Amino acid sequence: MIPVPNLAVGMPAISMNGSAPRCEHLDGLAPVTPLSDHCRDCPGRADRPAAALVVCLTCGWVTCSDNSPGRHASAHYEETDHPLAAGLEPGSRWRWCYVHQRLV
């Protein structure tokens, strides 16, 4: 018999190997095309790029990261419930799940 870990109330479930649980929001992701090369939610700032840009992996909307003053990536999640964003830079492997509040 495999022992079941004792989980405290409010603590996230962690697999027995100590890593974070798998994010089910990654299941069934279809490739998206970024809809722009700048944050469309930063009025008049297309000529001044944000610190970092992210793309919504559900709809392709491009926003400034949460490290930027506008924090439009979080605003997009709050408005749409689209759970995943990824770094827009070519070759970026950064992906964030807003539901789980962690890298995936």
N, C-alpha and C. Protein backbone atom coordinates (compact mmCIF):
# COMPACT_ATOMS: atom_id res chain seq x y z
N MET A 1 0.84 -1.18 0.00
CA MET A 1 0.00 0.00 0.00
C MET A 1 0.88 1.24 0.00
N ILE A 2 0.53 2.23 -0.85
CA ILE A 2 1.28 3.48 -0.93
C ILE A 2 0.71 4.45 0.08
N PRO A 3 1.55 5.02 0.96
CA PRO A 3 1.04 5.97 1.95
C PRO A 3 0.56 7.25 1.27
N VAL A 4 -0.51 7.81 1.76
CA VAL A 4 -1.06 9.06 1.25
C VAL A 4 -0.56 10.17 2.15
N PRO A 5 0.06 11.21 1.56
CA PRO A 5 0.56 12.29 2.41
C PRO A 5 -0.58 13.02 3.11
N ASN A 6 -0.31 13.49 4.32
CA ASN A 6 -1.27 14.26 5.08
C ASN A 6 -1.23 15.70 4.58
N LEU A 7 -2.32 16.17 3.93
CA LEU A 7 -2.36 17.51 3.38
C LEU A 7 -3.07 18.46 4.33
N ALA A 8 -2.43 19.57 4.62
CA ALA A 8 -3.05 20.58 5.47
C ALA A 8 -4.10 21.33 4.66
N VAL A 9 -5.14 21.80 5.31
CA VAL A 9 -6.19 22.55 4.65
C VAL A 9 -5.58 23.83 4.05
N GLY A 10 -5.92 24.08 2.79
CA GLY A 10 -5.43 25.28 2.12
C GLY A 10 -4.07 25.13 1.48
N MET A 11 -3.41 24.02 1.71
CA MET A 11 -2.10 23.79 1.10
C MET A 11 -2.30 23.14 -0.26
N PRO A 12 -1.51 23.54 -1.27
CA PRO A 12 -1.66 22.93 -2.59
C PRO A 12 -1.22 21.48 -2.57
N ALA A 13 -1.88 20.66 -3.37
CA ALA A 13 -1.48 19.25 -3.49
C ALA A 13 -0.17 19.18 -4.24
N ILE A 14 0.74 18.37 -3.74
CA ILE A 14 2.05 18.21 -4.36
C ILE A 14 2.26 16.73 -4.62
N SER A 15 2.77 16.44 -5.80
CA SER A 15 3.00 15.03 -6.11
C SER A 15 4.05 14.47 -5.17
N MET A 16 4.10 13.16 -5.09
CA MET A 16 4.98 12.50 -4.14
C MET A 16 6.46 12.74 -4.43
N ASN A 17 6.80 13.14 -5.67
CA ASN A 17 8.20 13.40 -5.96
C ASN A 17 8.60 14.83 -5.60
N GLY A 18 7.68 15.62 -5.04
CA GLY A 18 8.00 16.95 -4.57
C GLY A 18 7.82 18.06 -5.58
N SER A 19 7.50 17.74 -6.82
CA SER A 19 7.30 18.79 -7.81
C SER A 19 5.85 19.26 -7.78
N ALA A 20 5.62 20.42 -8.38
CA ALA A 20 4.26 20.96 -8.42
C ALA A 20 3.36 20.07 -9.25
N PRO A 21 2.08 20.05 -8.95
CA PRO A 21 1.17 19.22 -9.74
C PRO A 21 1.08 19.73 -11.18
N ARG A 22 0.74 18.82 -12.06
CA ARG A 22 0.62 19.16 -13.47
C ARG A 22 -0.50 20.18 -13.67
N CYS A 23 -0.29 21.12 -14.56
CA CYS A 23 -1.31 22.15 -14.86
C CYS A 23 -2.20 21.65 -15.99
N GLU A 24 -3.44 21.40 -15.69
CA GLU A 24 -4.38 20.89 -16.69
C GLU A 24 -4.73 21.94 -17.74
N HIS A 25 -4.39 23.20 -17.50
CA HIS A 25 -4.67 24.25 -18.49
C HIS A 25 -3.80 24.11 -19.73
N LEU A 26 -2.74 23.32 -19.64
CA LEU A 26 -1.88 23.07 -20.80
C LEU A 26 -2.51 22.07 -21.76
N ASP A 27 -3.48 21.29 -21.28
CA ASP A 27 -4.10 20.27 -22.12
C ASP A 27 -4.89 20.91 -23.25
N GLY A 28 -4.69 20.42 -24.45
CA GLY A 28 -5.48 20.86 -25.59
C GLY A 28 -5.16 22.25 -26.12
N LEU A 29 -4.01 22.80 -25.74
CA LEU A 29 -3.65 24.12 -26.26
C LEU A 29 -3.42 24.05 -27.76
N ALA A 30 -4.03 24.94 -28.49
CA ALA A 30 -3.79 25.06 -29.93
C ALA A 30 -2.81 26.21 -30.13
N PRO A 31 -1.97 26.13 -31.15
CA PRO A 31 -1.05 27.25 -31.40
C PRO A 31 -1.83 28.53 -31.68
N VAL A 32 -1.32 29.63 -31.16
CA VAL A 32 -1.94 30.94 -31.42
C VAL A 32 -0.93 31.83 -32.12
N THR A 33 -1.44 32.77 -32.87
CA THR A 33 -0.61 33.77 -33.53
C THR A 33 -0.76 35.07 -32.75
N PRO A 34 0.35 35.67 -32.29
CA PRO A 34 0.24 36.95 -31.59
C PRO A 34 -0.45 37.98 -32.48
N LEU A 35 -1.38 38.73 -31.92
CA LEU A 35 -2.17 39.69 -32.68
C LEU A 35 -1.47 41.02 -32.90
N SER A 36 -0.32 41.23 -32.26
CA SER A 36 0.43 42.47 -32.45
C SER A 36 1.85 42.26 -31.94
N ASP A 37 2.66 43.32 -32.05
CA ASP A 37 4.02 43.27 -31.52
C ASP A 37 4.21 44.28 -30.40
N HIS A 38 3.08 44.76 -29.86
CA HIS A 38 3.11 45.72 -28.75
C HIS A 38 1.86 45.52 -27.89
N CYS A 39 1.86 46.12 -26.72
CA CYS A 39 0.70 46.03 -25.83
C CYS A 39 -0.40 46.93 -26.37
N ARG A 40 -1.47 46.32 -26.83
CA ARG A 40 -2.59 47.09 -27.38
C ARG A 40 -3.38 47.82 -26.29
N ASP A 41 -3.14 47.49 -25.03
CA ASP A 41 -3.85 48.12 -23.93
C ASP A 41 -3.12 49.34 -23.36
N CYS A 42 -1.90 49.59 -23.82
CA CYS A 42 -1.15 50.77 -23.39
C CYS A 42 -1.39 51.88 -24.41
N PRO A 43 -2.31 52.79 -24.14
CA PRO A 43 -2.64 53.82 -25.12
C PRO A 43 -1.44 54.72 -25.42
N GLY A 44 -1.17 54.88 -26.72
CA GLY A 44 -0.11 55.77 -27.15
C GLY A 44 1.29 55.30 -26.82
N ARG A 45 1.46 54.03 -26.47
CA ARG A 45 2.78 53.55 -26.07
C ARG A 45 3.38 52.57 -27.07
N ALA A 46 2.82 52.46 -28.25
CA ALA A 46 3.35 51.51 -29.23
C ALA A 46 4.79 51.85 -29.58
N ASP A 47 5.15 53.14 -29.46
CA ASP A 47 6.52 53.55 -29.77
C ASP A 47 7.46 53.35 -28.58
N ARG A 48 6.92 53.08 -27.39
CA ARG A 48 7.74 52.83 -26.20
C ARG A 48 7.43 51.43 -25.70
N PRO A 49 8.25 50.45 -26.05
CA PRO A 49 7.94 49.08 -25.66
C PRO A 49 7.95 48.88 -24.15
N ALA A 50 7.10 47.98 -23.70
CA ALA A 50 7.03 47.63 -22.28
C ALA A 50 8.29 46.87 -21.91
N ALA A 51 8.50 46.71 -20.59
CA ALA A 51 9.65 45.96 -20.10
C ALA A 51 9.67 44.56 -20.71
N ALA A 52 8.53 43.93 -20.78
CA ALA A 52 8.41 42.61 -21.39
C ALA A 52 6.98 42.46 -21.90
N LEU A 53 6.82 41.71 -22.96
CA LEU A 53 5.50 41.47 -23.53
C LEU A 53 5.16 40.00 -23.39
N VAL A 54 3.89 39.72 -23.18
CA VAL A 54 3.40 38.35 -23.11
C VAL A 54 2.23 38.19 -24.06
N VAL A 55 2.02 36.96 -24.48
CA VAL A 55 0.91 36.64 -25.38
C VAL A 55 -0.02 35.66 -24.67
N CYS A 56 -1.31 35.90 -24.78
CA CYS A 56 -2.31 34.99 -24.23
C CYS A 56 -2.32 33.73 -25.09
N LEU A 57 -2.18 32.58 -24.45
CA LEU A 57 -2.14 31.32 -25.19
C LEU A 57 -3.52 30.80 -25.56
N THR A 58 -4.56 31.54 -25.22
CA THR A 58 -5.91 31.19 -25.64
C THR A 58 -6.32 31.96 -26.89
N CYS A 59 -6.05 33.28 -26.90
CA CYS A 59 -6.56 34.11 -28.00
C CYS A 59 -5.50 34.87 -28.78
N GLY A 60 -4.25 34.91 -28.31
CA GLY A 60 -3.20 35.62 -29.02
C GLY A 60 -3.06 37.09 -28.68
N TRP A 61 -3.85 37.59 -27.74
CA TRP A 61 -3.78 38.99 -27.34
C TRP A 61 -2.41 39.27 -26.72
N VAL A 62 -1.77 40.35 -27.11
CA VAL A 62 -0.45 40.72 -26.60
C VAL A 62 -0.61 41.86 -25.61
N THR A 63 0.02 41.70 -24.44
CA THR A 63 -0.04 42.72 -23.40
C THR A 63 1.32 42.90 -22.76
N CYS A 64 1.43 43.98 -22.00
CA CYS A 64 2.64 44.18 -21.21
C CYS A 64 2.60 43.23 -20.02
N SER A 65 3.77 42.84 -19.56
CA SER A 65 3.86 41.89 -18.46
C SER A 65 3.43 42.54 -17.14
N ASP A 66 3.31 41.72 -16.14
CA ASP A 66 2.95 42.23 -14.82
C ASP A 66 4.09 42.97 -14.16
N ASN A 67 5.28 42.97 -14.77
CA ASN A 67 6.40 43.77 -14.29
C ASN A 67 6.36 45.18 -14.86
N SER A 68 5.43 45.44 -15.76
CA SER A 68 5.27 46.76 -16.37
C SER A 68 4.25 47.56 -15.58
N PRO A 69 4.30 48.88 -15.67
CA PRO A 69 3.36 49.71 -14.90
C PRO A 69 1.89 49.40 -15.17
N GLY A 70 1.54 49.06 -16.42
CA GLY A 70 0.14 48.81 -16.74
C GLY A 70 -0.41 47.49 -16.26
N ARG A 71 0.47 46.50 -16.05
CA ARG A 71 0.06 45.15 -15.60
C ARG A 71 -1.12 44.63 -16.42
N HIS A 72 -1.08 44.84 -17.73
CA HIS A 72 -2.20 44.47 -18.58
C HIS A 72 -2.36 42.97 -18.77
N ALA A 73 -1.33 42.18 -18.53
CA ALA A 73 -1.46 40.72 -18.64
C ALA A 73 -2.45 40.22 -17.58
N SER A 74 -2.30 40.67 -16.35
CA SER A 74 -3.24 40.28 -15.29
C SER A 74 -4.64 40.81 -15.59
N ALA A 75 -4.72 42.02 -16.10
CA ALA A 75 -6.03 42.60 -16.43
C ALA A 75 -6.72 41.76 -17.51
N HIS A 76 -5.96 41.27 -18.49
CA HIS A 76 -6.55 40.43 -19.54
C HIS A 76 -7.10 39.15 -18.93
N TYR A 77 -6.34 38.53 -18.03
CA TYR A 77 -6.83 37.31 -17.36
C TYR A 77 -8.11 37.61 -16.57
N GLU A 78 -8.11 38.67 -15.80
CA GLU A 78 -9.27 39.00 -14.97
C GLU A 78 -10.51 39.27 -15.83
N GLU A 79 -10.31 39.83 -17.01
CA GLU A 79 -11.42 40.15 -17.90
C GLU A 79 -11.93 38.92 -18.66
N THR A 80 -11.03 38.01 -19.02
CA THR A 80 -11.39 36.92 -19.93
C THR A 80 -11.38 35.52 -19.31
N ASP A 81 -10.69 35.36 -18.21
CA ASP A 81 -10.44 34.04 -17.60
C ASP A 81 -9.57 33.15 -18.49
N HIS A 82 -8.83 33.70 -19.42
CA HIS A 82 -7.87 32.93 -20.21
C HIS A 82 -6.69 32.63 -19.30
N PRO A 83 -6.41 31.37 -19.00
CA PRO A 83 -5.50 31.04 -17.91
C PRO A 83 -4.01 31.16 -18.17
N LEU A 84 -3.55 31.06 -19.42
CA LEU A 84 -2.12 30.97 -19.68
C LEU A 84 -1.59 32.10 -20.53
N ALA A 85 -0.39 32.55 -20.17
CA ALA A 85 0.34 33.55 -20.96
C ALA A 85 1.76 33.05 -21.15
N ALA A 86 2.39 33.48 -22.24
CA ALA A 86 3.77 33.08 -22.52
C ALA A 86 4.56 34.30 -22.93
N GLY A 87 5.87 34.24 -22.71
CA GLY A 87 6.75 35.32 -23.15
C GLY A 87 6.70 35.46 -24.66
N LEU A 88 6.70 36.69 -25.15
CA LEU A 88 6.59 36.94 -26.59
C LEU A 88 7.93 36.89 -27.30
N GLU A 89 9.01 37.06 -26.57
CA GLU A 89 10.33 37.06 -27.21
C GLU A 89 10.58 35.73 -27.91
N PRO A 90 11.19 35.76 -29.09
CA PRO A 90 11.51 34.51 -29.79
C PRO A 90 12.37 33.60 -28.91
N GLY A 91 12.00 32.35 -28.84
CA GLY A 91 12.75 31.38 -28.06
C GLY A 91 12.40 31.35 -26.58
N SER A 92 11.51 32.22 -26.14
CA SER A 92 11.14 32.25 -24.72
C SER A 92 10.40 30.97 -24.35
N ARG A 93 10.75 30.39 -23.21
CA ARG A 93 10.07 29.20 -22.70
C ARG A 93 9.23 29.54 -21.46
N TRP A 94 9.14 30.84 -21.13
CA TRP A 94 8.40 31.30 -19.96
C TRP A 94 6.90 31.17 -20.23
N ARG A 95 6.20 30.48 -19.34
CA ARG A 95 4.73 30.38 -19.41
C ARG A 95 4.20 30.50 -17.99
N TRP A 96 3.11 31.22 -17.83
CA TRP A 96 2.53 31.47 -16.52
C TRP A 96 1.06 31.05 -16.53
N CYS A 97 0.64 30.36 -15.48
CA CYS A 97 -0.77 30.02 -15.29
C CYS A 97 -1.32 30.98 -14.23
N TYR A 98 -2.30 31.78 -14.62
CA TYR A 98 -2.90 32.73 -13.70
C TYR A 98 -3.81 32.03 -12.68
N VAL A 99 -4.37 30.89 -13.05
CA VAL A 99 -5.22 30.15 -12.12
C VAL A 99 -4.39 29.60 -10.96
N HIS A 100 -3.28 28.94 -11.30
CA HIS A 100 -2.42 28.33 -10.29
C HIS A 100 -1.37 29.30 -9.73
N GLN A 101 -1.24 30.47 -10.36
CA GLN A 101 -0.27 31.48 -9.92
C GLN A 101 1.15 30.92 -9.87
N ARG A 102 1.54 30.24 -10.98
CA ARG A 102 2.89 29.69 -11.03
C ARG A 102 3.33 29.48 -12.47
N LEU A 103 4.63 29.29 -12.63
CA LEU A 103 5.20 28.94 -13.92
C LEU A 103 4.78 27.53 -14.30
N VAL A 104 4.55 27.32 -15.57
CA VAL A 104 4.20 25.97 -16.06
C VAL A 104 5.04 25.61 -17.26
